[in-house]
Amino acid sequence: MEDTKVQNGVDPVTLTDGAVSELEKIRNQEKIPSEYGLRIGVKGGGCSGFSYILGFDEKKENDKEYEVNGVRVIIDKGHAIYLLGIEIDFEVGLNNRGFSFNNPNASDTCGCGTSFAT
């Protein structure tokens, strides 16, 4: 891996133990090849302007690669400004089950938790 930390010595994103556990479960259930990393990104759309991308994918030319909590993470260089410092968790509760995103770069978020504005 070419990059393991951003310049200040910390991981660009945080994956909680719950998120890592769920990602490992998904990787095993779906038989996702080990050479695929976890792609974290953004795309235009959603209630607030941007939606998160989270899924396993191959590294592409414009990607940076990191090792976060034992998970190979790939982020498109153009998306990093929106994602730096984000914490991704997996919640299991009465009202919510799924991945949640705590993004310090978001100026506004939607009630669904997967859409944000900057």
Protein backbone atom coordinates (compact mmCIF):
# COMPACT_ATOMS: atom_id res chain seq x y z
CA MET A 1 0.00 0.00 0.00
CA GLU A 2 1.34 3.36 -0.96
CA ASP A 3 -0.35 5.45 1.75
CA THR A 4 -1.10 4.41 5.31
CA LYS A 5 -1.71 7.75 7.01
CA VAL A 6 -2.47 11.28 5.93
CA GLN A 7 0.22 13.91 6.48
CA ASN A 8 -0.61 14.57 10.15
CA GLY A 9 -0.11 10.89 11.00
CA VAL A 10 -3.75 9.90 11.55
CA ASP A 11 -6.08 7.75 9.51
CA PRO A 12 -8.15 9.73 6.99
CA VAL A 13 -11.29 7.89 8.11
CA THR A 14 -12.28 5.89 11.16
CA LEU A 15 -13.98 2.51 11.05
CA THR A 16 -15.44 1.41 14.37
CA ASP A 17 -15.14 -2.18 15.54
CA GLY A 18 -18.84 -2.65 14.71
CA ALA A 19 -18.30 -1.44 11.15
CA VAL A 20 -15.24 -3.67 10.69
CA SER A 21 -17.13 -6.70 11.99
CA GLU A 22 -20.05 -6.09 9.62
CA LEU A 23 -17.72 -5.47 6.66
CA GLU A 24 -15.94 -8.77 7.32
CA LYS A 25 -19.30 -10.54 7.49
CA ILE A 26 -20.37 -9.00 4.17
CA ARG A 27 -17.03 -9.87 2.53
CA ASN A 28 -17.39 -13.51 3.60
CA GLN A 29 -21.10 -13.86 2.74
CA GLU A 30 -20.70 -12.28 -0.69
CA LYS A 31 -17.36 -14.03 -1.37
CA ILE A 32 -15.71 -10.72 -2.26
CA PRO A 33 -12.14 -11.21 -3.55
CA SER A 34 -9.38 -10.27 -1.12
CA GLU A 35 -7.79 -7.89 -3.66
CA TYR A 36 -10.87 -5.63 -3.41
CA GLY A 37 -10.71 -2.78 -0.92
CA LEU A 38 -13.47 -0.87 0.77
CA ARG A 39 -14.34 2.11 -1.41
CA ILE A 40 -15.52 5.13 0.53
CA GLY A 41 -16.69 8.03 -1.56
CA VAL A 42 -19.38 10.57 -2.32
CA LYS A 43 -21.72 11.24 -5.22
CA GLY A 44 -24.07 14.06 -6.03
CA GLY A 45 -27.64 13.51 -4.95
CA GLY A 46 -29.62 12.63 -1.89
CA CYS A 47 -31.76 14.94 0.23
CA SER A 48 -28.90 17.27 1.20
CA GLY A 49 -26.71 17.37 -1.90
CA PHE A 50 -24.26 14.48 -1.52
CA SER A 51 -24.68 10.78 -0.74
CA TYR A 52 -22.05 8.38 0.55
CA ILE A 53 -20.59 5.52 -1.46
CA LEU A 54 -19.59 2.45 0.56
CA GLY A 55 -18.75 -0.85 -1.10
CA PHE A 56 -15.99 -3.20 -2.13
CA ASP A 57 -14.14 -2.34 -5.33
CA GLU A 58 -10.82 -2.57 -7.14
CA LYS A 59 -8.32 0.26 -6.81
CA LYS A 60 -8.40 2.67 -9.75
CA GLU A 61 -5.84 5.11 -11.11
CA ASN A 62 -7.03 8.17 -9.17
CA ASP A 63 -7.38 6.37 -5.81
CA LYS A 64 -5.40 6.64 -2.61
CA GLU A 65 -5.12 3.52 -0.48
CA TYR A 66 -5.04 3.29 3.30
CA GLU A 67 -5.05 0.62 6.00
CA VAL A 68 -7.71 1.52 8.58
CA ASN A 69 -8.42 -0.74 11.56
CA GLY A 70 -7.23 -3.74 9.53
CA VAL A 71 -9.34 -2.88 6.47
CA ARG A 72 -7.90 -1.88 3.09
CA VAL A 73 -9.65 1.42 2.25
CA ILE A 74 -9.61 3.14 -1.13
CA ILE A 75 -10.69 6.74 -1.67
CA ASP A 76 -10.77 8.70 -4.92
CA LYS A 77 -8.41 11.68 -4.48
CA GLY A 78 -11.21 14.06 -5.50
CA HIS A 79 -13.50 12.77 -2.75
CA ALA A 80 -11.02 13.09 0.10
CA ILE A 81 -11.90 16.71 0.90
CA TYR A 82 -15.46 15.61 1.75
CA LEU A 83 -14.41 12.56 3.77
CA LEU A 84 -11.39 13.52 5.85
CA GLY A 85 -12.14 12.74 9.49
CA ILE A 86 -15.35 10.79 8.87
CA GLU A 87 -16.28 7.99 11.29
CA ILE A 88 -18.20 5.03 9.92
CA ASP A 89 -20.07 2.79 12.36
CA PHE A 90 -22.55 -0.05 12.08
CA GLU A 91 -25.60 0.38 14.27
CA VAL A 92 -28.06 -2.23 15.43
CA GLY A 93 -30.95 -0.71 17.32
CA LEU A 94 -34.71 -0.45 17.54
CA ASN A 95 -34.92 2.52 15.18
CA ASN A 96 -31.89 1.98 13.00
CA ARG A 97 -29.84 -0.86 11.54
CA GLY A 98 -27.03 -0.16 9.12
CA PHE A 99 -23.94 1.89 8.51
CA SER A 100 -23.89 5.40 9.94
CA PHE A 101 -21.65 8.27 8.94
CA ASN A 102 -20.38 10.93 11.34
CA ASN A 103 -18.80 13.51 9.04
CA PRO A 104 -17.17 16.60 10.59
CA ASN A 105 -17.10 18.24 7.12
CA ALA A 106 -20.90 18.20 6.77
CA SER A 107 -22.66 21.48 7.39
CA ASP A 108 -26.07 19.79 7.19
CA THR A 109 -27.25 16.19 7.19
CA CYS A 110 -30.49 14.52 6.25
CA GLY A 111 -32.64 12.48 8.60
CA CYS A 112 -31.74 9.35 6.64
CA GLY A 113 -28.11 9.71 7.73
CA THR A 114 -26.68 8.95 4.30
CA SER A 115 -26.95 12.40 2.74
CA PHE A 116 -25.10 15.60 3.60
CA ALA A 117 -24.17 19.12 2.49
CA THR A 118 -20.90 21.04 2.86
